[in-house]
Amino acid sequence: MEALLRFGVFFGIFALMAVWEYFRPKRRLSSARRQRWPVNLGLAAVNVLLMRVSMGAAAWLAAGWAAERNIGLFHAVPAPIWLSFAGSLLLLDLAIYAQHVAAHRWRWFWRLHQVHHSDTDFDTTTAVRFHPLEIMLSMAYKVLLVVALGAEPSAVIAFEIILNGCALFNHGNVGLPPTYEQSLRYLLVTPDMHRIHHSALQTETDSNYGFSLSCWDRLFDTYCPQSRQPQTAMRIGLNGFRDTNELGFLHLLAMPFRPLRKR
């Protein structure tokens, strides 16, 4: 039931974003969808299958295990359910922000994360372009966090749905009217805000790490409000990976194990 709910919301938001991008794209894509989408969605399919046969719904199960044994912060400190729920969502989102920063600053972690940034275009499928090892590492990290926090199982499900939904949205090749975009950006990470993070300029890549809430970047001074170039013209991806022949499915799986290139 947990998996059915998550996948149902995921596919609904994905379909909505794909239609929005088709009719009102923010940028002209440099590569055809038929070239990029099989690669990005292929990685997503591998990750889903790998997780189902290995760790699966580990974070949700870990939350239930911790609750049965009264393990974790929110079980040690008496708090109403609503506060435990809200606190779990907030702290898990902060933890994912911290993980994202580490993925850029730790050399070994960047080897995995560069697969995500090697996309030379930016659309909703970029949200699922991750190396399987990074997905497994992220799940292990979330399991430890969930147990340490004693997070509410329902909050863990809600967090996964929000995280996936926000990632599909803020990776979208779409734009909002400036007034609405600036207002929404005070709360959530918007496509215009996250697109800067996928700039080929390293100073811009190393900013705007948030996936859901935008407050963490402002709080920890990693916020970049505007790209140097207009967003419709800025270069997306990594300078060391521009040849599409090096960005196929098998190449991406092997990328972390090859010599690092300059960003």
C-alpha atoms as a PDB file:
ATOM      1  CA  MET A   1       0.000   0.000   0.000  1.00  0.00           C
ATOM      2  CA  GLU A   2       2.843   2.375   0.894  1.00  0.00           C
ATOM      3  CA  ALA A   3       4.596   1.726  -2.427  1.00  0.00           C
ATOM      4  CA  LEU A   4       1.342   1.994  -4.401  1.00  0.00           C
ATOM      5  CA  LEU A   5       0.628   5.407  -2.876  1.00  0.00           C
ATOM      6  CA  ARG A   6       4.126   6.714  -3.589  1.00  0.00           C
ATOM      7  CA  PHE A   7       4.197   5.462  -7.171  1.00  0.00           C
ATOM      8  CA  GLY A   8       0.680   6.705  -7.872  1.00  0.00           C
ATOM      9  CA  VAL A   9       1.554  10.253  -6.815  1.00  0.00           C
ATOM     10  CA  PHE A  10       4.899  10.061  -8.617  1.00  0.00           C
ATOM     11  CA  PHE A  11       3.407   9.064 -11.964  1.00  0.00           C
ATOM     12  CA  GLY A  12       0.615  11.622 -11.624  1.00  0.00           C
ATOM     13  CA  ILE A  13       3.058  14.499 -11.067  1.00  0.00           C
ATOM     14  CA  PHE A  14       5.414  13.189 -13.750  1.00  0.00           C
ATOM     15  CA  ALA A  15       2.597  13.139 -16.317  1.00  0.00           C
ATOM     16  CA  LEU A  16       1.518  16.661 -15.336  1.00  0.00           C
ATOM     17  CA  MET A  17       5.073  18.022 -15.646  1.00  0.00           C
ATOM     18  CA  ALA A  18       5.680  16.250 -18.970  1.00  0.00           C
ATOM     19  CA  VAL A  19       2.539  17.806 -20.459  1.00  0.00           C
ATOM     20  CA  TRP A  20       3.426  21.246 -19.040  1.00  0.00           C
ATOM     21  CA  GLU A  21       6.943  21.020 -20.507  1.00  0.00           C
ATOM     22  CA  TYR A  22       5.605  19.939 -23.892  1.00  0.00           C
ATOM     23  CA  PHE A  23       3.218  22.848 -24.291  1.00  0.00           C
ATOM     24  CA  ARG A  24       5.061  25.592 -22.358  1.00  0.00           C
ATOM     25  CA  PRO A  25       8.803  24.833 -22.209  1.00  0.00           C
ATOM     26  CA  LYS A  26      11.082  27.349 -20.511  1.00  0.00           C
ATOM     27  CA  ARG A  27      14.123  26.440 -22.616  1.00  0.00           C
ATOM     28  CA  ARG A  28      14.734  24.866 -25.985  1.00  0.00           C
ATOM     29  CA  LEU A  29      16.294  21.450 -25.419  1.00  0.00           C
ATOM     30  CA  SER A  30      19.679  20.790 -27.029  1.00  0.00           C
ATOM     31  CA  SER A  31      18.960  17.054 -27.357  1.00  0.00           C
ATOM     32  CA  ALA A  32      15.790  15.311 -28.443  1.00  0.00           C
ATOM     33  CA  ARG A  33      13.702  13.579 -25.781  1.00  0.00           C
ATOM     34  CA  ARG A  34      14.147  10.270 -27.593  1.00  0.00           C
ATOM     35  CA  GLN A  35      17.887  10.520 -26.853  1.00  0.00           C
ATOM     36  CA  ARG A  36      17.757  11.573 -23.194  1.00  0.00           C
ATOM     37  CA  TRP A  37      14.558  10.131 -21.800  1.00  0.00           C
ATOM     38  CA  PRO A  38      15.451   6.438 -22.321  1.00  0.00           C
ATOM     39  CA  VAL A  39      18.718   7.057 -20.433  1.00  0.00           C
ATOM     40  CA  ASN A  40      17.174   8.979 -17.541  1.00  0.00           C
ATOM     41  CA  LEU A  41      14.106   6.776 -17.245  1.00  0.00           C
ATOM     42  CA  GLY A  42      16.275   3.683 -17.671  1.00  0.00           C
ATOM     43  CA  LEU A  43      18.308   4.704 -14.630  1.00  0.00           C
ATOM     44  CA  ALA A  44      15.066   5.308 -12.742  1.00  0.00           C
ATOM     45  CA  ALA A  45      13.782   1.826 -13.663  1.00  0.00           C
ATOM     46  CA  VAL A  46      17.024   0.177 -12.535  1.00  0.00           C
ATOM     47  CA  ASN A  47      16.912   2.099  -9.261  1.00  0.00           C
ATOM     48  CA  VAL A  48      13.307   1.107  -8.589  1.00  0.00           C
ATOM     49  CA  LEU A  49      13.976  -2.571  -9.312  1.00  0.00           C
ATOM     50  CA  LEU A  50      17.168  -2.554  -7.273  1.00  0.00           C
ATOM     51  CA  MET A  51      15.450  -0.984  -4.289  1.00  0.00           C
ATOM     52  CA  ARG A  52      12.491  -3.376  -4.457  1.00  0.00           C
ATOM     53  CA  VAL A  53      14.770  -6.439  -4.311  1.00  0.00           C
ATOM     54  CA  SER A  54      17.136  -4.996  -1.708  1.00  0.00           C
ATOM     55  CA  MET A  55      16.184  -2.171   0.660  1.00  0.00           C
ATOM     56  CA  GLY A  56      12.659  -1.472  -0.578  1.00  0.00           C
ATOM     57  CA  ALA A  57      10.555   0.558   1.859  1.00  0.00           C
ATOM     58  CA  ALA A  58      13.407   0.483   4.377  1.00  0.00           C
ATOM     59  CA  ALA A  59      12.847   3.984   5.766  1.00  0.00           C
ATOM     60  CA  TRP A  60       9.150   3.343   6.446  1.00  0.00           C
ATOM     61  CA  LEU A  61       9.874  -0.060   7.990  1.00  0.00           C
ATOM     62  CA  ALA A  62      12.637   1.479  10.114  1.00  0.00           C
ATOM     63  CA  ALA A  63      10.164   4.072  11.420  1.00  0.00           C
ATOM     64  CA  GLY A  64       7.769   1.300  12.461  1.00  0.00           C
ATOM     65  CA  TRP A  65      10.600  -0.669  14.087  1.00  0.00           C
ATOM     66  CA  ALA A  66      11.732   2.401  16.065  1.00  0.00           C
ATOM     67  CA  ALA A  67       8.155   3.163  17.138  1.00  0.00           C
ATOM     68  CA  GLU A  68       7.629  -0.369  18.486  1.00  0.00           C
ATOM     69  CA  ARG A  69      10.760  -0.022  20.623  1.00  0.00           C
ATOM     70  CA  ASN A  70      10.389   3.670  21.544  1.00  0.00           C
ATOM     71  CA  ILE A  71      13.741   4.495  19.961  1.00  0.00           C
ATOM     72  CA  GLY A  72      14.683   7.976  18.777  1.00  0.00           C
ATOM     73  CA  LEU A  73      14.311  11.649  19.629  1.00  0.00           C
ATOM     74  CA  PHE A  74      10.540  11.972  19.233  1.00  0.00           C
ATOM     75  CA  HIS A  75       9.935   8.888  21.390  1.00  0.00           C
ATOM     76  CA  ALA A  76      12.324  10.056  24.104  1.00  0.00           C
ATOM     77  CA  VAL A  77      10.850  13.567  24.297  1.00  0.00           C
ATOM     78  CA  PRO A  78       7.075  13.570  24.882  1.00  0.00           C
ATOM     79  CA  ALA A  79       5.368  15.472  22.064  1.00  0.00           C
ATOM     80  CA  PRO A  80       1.927  15.476  20.453  1.00  0.00           C
ATOM     81  CA  ILE A  81       1.581  13.506  17.241  1.00  0.00           C
ATOM     82  CA  TRP A  82       1.228  16.635  15.110  1.00  0.00           C
ATOM     83  CA  LEU A  83       4.509  18.031  16.443  1.00  0.00           C
ATOM     84  CA  SER A  84       6.345  14.748  15.889  1.00  0.00           C
ATOM     85  CA  PHE A  85       4.928  14.623  12.352  1.00  0.00           C
ATOM     86  CA  ALA A  86       5.898  18.215  11.501  1.00  0.00           C
ATOM     87  CA  GLY A  87       9.276  17.910  13.208  1.00  0.00           C
ATOM     88  CA  SER A  88      10.051  14.719  11.304  1.00  0.00           C
ATOM     89  CA  LEU A  89       9.247  16.377   7.967  1.00  0.00           C
ATOM     90  CA  LEU A  90      11.340  19.440   8.774  1.00  0.00           C
ATOM     91  CA  LEU A  91      14.406  17.592  10.073  1.00  0.00           C
ATOM     92  CA  LEU A  92      14.370  15.021   7.279  1.00  0.00           C
ATOM     93  CA  ASP A  93      14.288  17.821   4.723  1.00  0.00           C
ATOM     94  CA  LEU A  94      17.235  19.520   6.451  1.00  0.00           C
ATOM     95  CA  ALA A  95      19.106  16.207   6.433  1.00  0.00           C
ATOM     96  CA  ILE A  96      18.580  15.794   2.683  1.00  0.00           C
ATOM     97  CA  TYR A  97      19.894  19.337   2.172  1.00  0.00           C
ATOM     98  CA  ALA A  98      23.008  18.390   4.175  1.00  0.00           C
ATOM     99  CA  GLN A  99      23.422  15.206   2.137  1.00  0.00           C
ATOM    100  CA  HIS A 100      23.243  17.224  -1.067  1.00  0.00           C
ATOM    101  CA  VAL A 101      25.939  19.621   0.137  1.00  0.00           C
ATOM    102  CA  ALA A 102      28.145  16.648   1.039  1.00  0.00           C
ATOM    103  CA  ALA A 103      27.605  15.164  -2.435  1.00  0.00           C
ATOM    104  CA  HIS A 104      29.258  18.248  -3.911  1.00  0.00           C
ATOM    105  CA  ARG A 105      32.029  18.730  -1.355  1.00  0.00           C
ATOM    106  CA  TRP A 106      33.224  15.168  -0.725  1.00  0.00           C
ATOM    107  CA  ARG A 107      35.267  13.952  -3.662  1.00  0.00           C
ATOM    108  CA  TRP A 108      34.214  10.318  -3.396  1.00  0.00           C
ATOM    109  CA  PHE A 109      30.537  11.298  -3.112  1.00  0.00           C
ATOM    110  CA  TRP A 110      30.785  13.618  -6.115  1.00  0.00           C
ATOM    111  CA  ARG A 111      31.889  10.643  -8.217  1.00  0.00           C
ATOM    112  CA  LEU A 112      28.370   9.272  -7.789  1.00  0.00           C
ATOM    113  CA  HIS A 113      26.480  12.561  -7.842  1.00  0.00           C
ATOM    114  CA  GLN A 114      28.092  13.799 -11.057  1.00  0.00           C
ATOM    115  CA  VAL A 115      25.841  11.352 -12.928  1.00  0.00           C
ATOM    116  CA  HIS A 116      22.890  13.552 -11.977  1.00  0.00           C
ATOM    117  CA  HIS A 117      24.652  16.745 -13.078  1.00  0.00           C
ATOM    118  CA  SER A 118      26.006  15.351 -16.334  1.00  0.00           C
ATOM    119  CA  ASP A 119      22.649  15.860 -18.047  1.00  0.00           C
ATOM    120  CA  THR A 120      23.193  18.563 -20.678  1.00  0.00           C
ATOM    121  CA  ASP A 121      19.514  19.493 -20.585  1.00  0.00           C
ATOM    122  CA  PHE A 122      17.159  20.107 -17.697  1.00  0.00           C
ATOM    123  CA  ASP A 123      13.674  18.679 -17.509  1.00  0.00           C
ATOM    124  CA  THR A 124      11.548  16.589 -15.178  1.00  0.00           C
ATOM    125  CA  THR A 125      13.387  13.369 -16.119  1.00  0.00           C
ATOM    126  CA  THR A 126      16.606  14.891 -14.753  1.00  0.00           C
ATOM    127  CA  ALA A 127      14.996  14.444 -11.323  1.00  0.00           C
ATOM    128  CA  VAL A 128      15.365  10.651 -11.609  1.00  0.00           C
ATOM    129  CA  ARG A 129      18.835  10.586 -13.193  1.00  0.00           C
ATOM    130  CA  PHE A 130      20.856   9.117 -10.305  1.00  0.00           C
ATOM    131  CA  HIS A 131      23.453   6.403 -10.083  1.00  0.00           C
ATOM    132  CA  PRO A 132      22.098   3.282  -8.309  1.00  0.00           C
ATOM    133  CA  LEU A 133      24.861   3.415  -5.699  1.00  0.00           C
ATOM    134  CA  GLU A 134      23.858   6.953  -4.744  1.00  0.00           C
ATOM    135  CA  ILE A 135      20.229   5.867  -4.378  1.00  0.00           C
ATOM    136  CA  MET A 136      21.216   2.997  -2.086  1.00  0.00           C
ATOM    137  CA  LEU A 137      23.530   5.228  -0.060  1.00  0.00           C
ATOM    138  CA  SER A 138      20.763   7.800   0.309  1.00  0.00           C
ATOM    139  CA  MET A 139      18.316   5.169   1.538  1.00  0.00           C
ATOM    140  CA  ALA A 140      20.798   3.871   4.121  1.00  0.00           C
ATOM    141  CA  TYR A 141      21.308   7.441   5.307  1.00  0.00           C
ATOM    142  CA  LYS A 142      17.548   7.977   5.617  1.00  0.00           C
ATOM    143  CA  VAL A 143      17.115   4.749   7.579  1.00  0.00           C
ATOM    144  CA  LEU A 144      19.684   5.901  10.153  1.00  0.00           C
ATOM    145  CA  LEU A 145      18.016   9.322  10.358  1.00  0.00           C
ATOM    146  CA  VAL A 146      14.543   7.868  10.765  1.00  0.00           C
ATOM    147  CA  VAL A 147      15.688   5.655  13.642  1.00  0.00           C
ATOM    148  CA  ALA A 148      17.664   8.465  15.314  1.00  0.00           C
ATOM    149  CA  LEU A 149      14.686  10.810  15.093  1.00  0.00           C
ATOM    150  CA  GLY A 150      12.072   8.224  15.952  1.00  0.00           C
ATOM    151  CA  ALA A 151      10.184   9.686  13.007  1.00  0.00           C
ATOM    152  CA  GLU A 152       6.479   8.991  12.650  1.00  0.00           C
ATOM    153  CA  PRO A 153       5.927   6.254  10.004  1.00  0.00           C
ATOM    154  CA  SER A 154       3.218   8.372   8.374  1.00  0.00           C
ATOM    155  CA  ALA A 155       5.645  11.318   8.254  1.00  0.00           C
ATOM    156  CA  VAL A 156       8.224   9.144   6.490  1.00  0.00           C
ATOM    157  CA  ILE A 157       5.720   8.220   3.771  1.00  0.00           C
ATOM    158  CA  ALA A 158       4.638  11.850   3.469  1.00  0.00           C
ATOM    159  CA  PHE A 159       8.247  12.980   3.259  1.00  0.00           C
ATOM    160  CA  GLU A 160       9.076  10.534   0.448  1.00  0.00           C
ATOM    161  CA  ILE A 161       6.020  11.680  -1.514  1.00  0.00           C
ATOM    162  CA  ILE A 162       6.837  15.380  -0.980  1.00  0.00           C
ATOM    163  CA  LEU A 163      10.514  14.891  -1.834  1.00  0.00           C
ATOM    164  CA  ASN A 164       9.792  13.012  -5.065  1.00  0.00           C
ATOM    165  CA  GLY A 165       7.007  15.391  -6.077  1.00  0.00           C
ATOM    166  CA  CYS A 166       9.090  18.500  -5.421  1.00  0.00           C
ATOM    167  CA  ALA A 167      12.053  17.037  -7.327  1.00  0.00           C
ATOM    168  CA  LEU A 168       9.885  16.404 -10.406  1.00  0.00           C
ATOM    169  CA  PHE A 169       8.515  19.950 -10.140  1.00  0.00           C
ATOM    170  CA  ASN A 170      11.735  21.857  -9.543  1.00  0.00           C
ATOM    171  CA  HIS A 171      13.577  19.977 -12.300  1.00  0.00           C
ATOM    172  CA  GLY A 172      10.853  20.905 -14.756  1.00  0.00           C
ATOM    173  CA  ASN A 173      11.638  22.710 -17.991  1.00  0.00           C
ATOM    174  CA  VAL A 174       8.944  25.214 -17.100  1.00  0.00           C
ATOM    175  CA  GLY A 175       8.656  28.733 -15.798  1.00  0.00           C
ATOM    176  CA  LEU A 176       6.214  30.561 -13.583  1.00  0.00           C
ATOM    177  CA  PRO A 177       5.149  34.213 -13.895  1.00  0.00           C
ATOM    178  CA  PRO A 178       7.873  36.260 -12.127  1.00  0.00           C
ATOM    179  CA  THR A 179       5.614  37.548  -9.352  1.00  0.00           C
ATOM    180  CA  TYR A 180       4.333  34.084  -8.475  1.00  0.00           C
ATOM    181  CA  GLU A 181       7.801  32.553  -8.840  1.00  0.00           C
ATOM    182  CA  GLN A 182       9.397  34.982  -6.395  1.00  0.00           C
ATOM    183  CA  SER A 183       6.597  34.523  -3.874  1.00  0.00           C
ATOM    184  CA  LEU A 184       6.658  30.725  -4.091  1.00  0.00           C
ATOM    185  CA  ARG A 185      10.458  30.732  -3.801  1.00  0.00           C
ATOM    186  CA  TYR A 186      10.218  31.984  -0.221  1.00  0.00           C
ATOM    187  CA  LEU A 187       8.730  28.598   0.690  1.00  0.00           C
ATOM    188  CA  LEU A 188       9.607  26.022  -1.965  1.00  0.00           C
ATOM    189  CA  VAL A 189      12.429  25.408  -4.404  1.00  0.00           C
ATOM    190  CA  THR A 190      11.170  26.497  -7.830  1.00  0.00           C
ATOM    191  CA  PRO A 191      12.409  25.370 -11.274  1.00  0.00           C
ATOM    192  CA  ASP A 192      14.141  28.736 -11.821  1.00  0.00           C
ATOM    193  CA  MET A 193      15.903  28.424  -8.471  1.00  0.00           C
ATOM    194  CA  HIS A 194      17.034  24.828  -8.974  1.00  0.00           C
ATOM    195  CA  ARG A 195      18.006  25.315 -12.627  1.00  0.00           C
ATOM    196  CA  ILE A 196      20.828  27.563 -11.384  1.00  0.00           C
ATOM    197  CA  HIS A 197      22.143  24.553  -9.456  1.00  0.00           C
ATOM    198  CA  HIS A 198      22.497  22.704 -12.773  1.00  0.00           C
ATOM    199  CA  SER A 199      24.496  25.500 -14.407  1.00  0.00           C
ATOM    200  CA  ALA A 200      27.845  24.525 -15.916  1.00  0.00           C
ATOM    201  CA  LEU A 201      29.473  27.301 -13.843  1.00  0.00           C
ATOM    202  CA  GLN A 202      30.788  25.637 -10.689  1.00  0.00           C
ATOM    203  CA  THR A 203      30.031  28.654  -8.490  1.00  0.00           C
ATOM    204  CA  GLU A 204      26.387  28.270  -9.494  1.00  0.00           C
ATOM    205  CA  THR A 205      26.404  24.469  -9.346  1.00  0.00           C
ATOM    206  CA  ASP A 206      27.625  24.745  -5.758  1.00  0.00           C
ATOM    207  CA  SER A 207      24.537  26.667  -4.644  1.00  0.00           C
ATOM    208  CA  ASN A 208      20.781  26.167  -4.229  1.00  0.00           C
ATOM    209  CA  TYR A 209      21.040  22.677  -2.757  1.00  0.00           C
ATOM    210  CA  GLY A 210      17.480  22.475  -1.445  1.00  0.00           C
ATOM    211  CA  PHE A 211      15.043  19.978  -2.912  1.00  0.00           C
ATOM    212  CA  SER A 212      11.805  20.920  -1.141  1.00  0.00           C
ATOM    213  CA  LEU A 213      12.048  23.858   1.275  1.00  0.00           C
ATOM    214  CA  SER A 214      14.079  26.845   0.087  1.00  0.00           C
ATOM    215  CA  CYS A 215      14.876  28.189   3.562  1.00  0.00           C
ATOM    216  CA  TRP A 216      17.974  26.041   4.104  1.00  0.00           C
ATOM    217  CA  ASP A 217      19.949  27.738   1.338  1.00  0.00           C
ATOM    218  CA  ARG A 218      19.224  31.158   2.801  1.00  0.00           C
ATOM    219  CA  LEU A 219      19.951  29.991   6.326  1.00  0.00           C
ATOM    220  CA  PHE A 220      23.302  28.391   5.459  1.00  0.00           C
ATOM    221  CA  ASP A 221      24.380  30.998   2.891  1.00  0.00           C
ATOM    222  CA  THR A 222      24.263  28.755  -0.170  1.00  0.00           C
ATOM    223  CA  TYR A 223      21.517  30.700  -1.933  1.00  0.00           C
ATOM    224  CA  CYS A 224      22.093  32.102  -5.422  1.00  0.00           C
ATOM    225  CA  PRO A 225      19.113  34.217  -6.521  1.00  0.00           C
ATOM    226  CA  GLN A 226      20.117  34.762 -10.139  1.00  0.00           C
ATOM    227  CA  SER A 227      22.340  33.085 -12.721  1.00  0.00           C
ATOM    228  CA  ARG A 228      24.965  35.114 -14.575  1.00  0.00           C
ATOM    229  CA  GLN A 229      23.373  34.336 -17.909  1.00  0.00           C
ATOM    230  CA  PRO A 230      19.649  34.379 -18.691  1.00  0.00           C
ATOM    231  CA  GLN A 231      18.116  31.034 -17.782  1.00  0.00           C
ATOM    232  CA  THR A 232      16.994  30.484 -21.346  1.00  0.00           C
ATOM    233  CA  ALA A 233      20.615  30.722 -22.530  1.00  0.00           C
ATOM    234  CA  MET A 234      22.716  29.402 -19.624  1.00  0.00           C
ATOM    235  CA  ARG A 235      24.799  26.281 -20.174  1.00  0.00           C
ATOM    236  CA  ILE A 236      23.485  23.212 -18.360  1.00  0.00           C
ATOM    237  CA  GLY A 237      25.539  20.240 -17.199  1.00  0.00           C
ATOM    238  CA  LEU A 238      29.244  19.628 -16.592  1.00  0.00           C
ATOM    239  CA  ASN A 239      32.008  21.127 -18.717  1.00  0.00           C
ATOM    240  CA  GLY A 240      33.912  17.829 -18.595  1.00  0.00           C
ATOM    241  CA  PHE A 241      31.010  15.876 -20.147  1.00  0.00           C
ATOM    242  CA  ARG A 242      29.647  17.452 -23.324  1.00  0.00           C
ATOM    243  CA  ASP A 243      29.963  14.545 -25.771  1.00  0.00           C
ATOM    244  CA  THR A 244      26.614  12.744 -25.960  1.00  0.00           C
ATOM    245  CA  ASN A 245      28.469   9.545 -26.874  1.00  0.00           C
ATOM    246  CA  GLU A 246      29.851   9.539 -23.322  1.00  0.00           C
ATOM    247  CA  LEU A 247      26.451  10.007 -21.706  1.00  0.00           C
ATOM    248  CA  GLY A 248      24.733   6.771 -22.626  1.00  0.00           C
ATOM    249  CA  PHE A 249      23.199   4.429 -20.073  1.00  0.00           C
ATOM    250  CA  LEU A 250      26.217   2.148 -19.621  1.00  0.00           C
ATOM    251  CA  HIS A 251      28.601   5.110 -19.609  1.00  0.00           C
ATOM    252  CA  LEU A 252      26.684   6.662 -16.707  1.00  0.00           C
ATOM    253  CA  LEU A 253      26.833   3.428 -14.723  1.00  0.00           C
ATOM    254  CA  ALA A 254      30.612   3.367 -15.197  1.00  0.00           C
ATOM    255  CA  MET A 255      31.175   7.114 -14.670  1.00  0.00           C
ATOM    256  CA  PRO A 256      31.948   6.991 -10.888  1.00  0.00           C
ATOM    257  CA  PHE A 257      34.746   4.492 -11.492  1.00  0.00           C
ATOM    258  CA  ARG A 258      36.575   6.531 -14.129  1.00  0.00           C
ATOM    259  CA  PRO A 259      39.080   9.366 -13.528  1.00  0.00           C
ATOM    260  CA  LEU A 260      37.425  12.562 -12.344  1.00  0.00           C
ATOM    261  CA  ARG A 261      37.274  15.417 -14.823  1.00  0.00           C
ATOM    262  CA  LYS A 262      37.380  19.133 -14.189  1.00  0.00           C
ATOM    263  CA  ARG A 263      33.980  20.619 -13.534  1.00  0.00           C
END
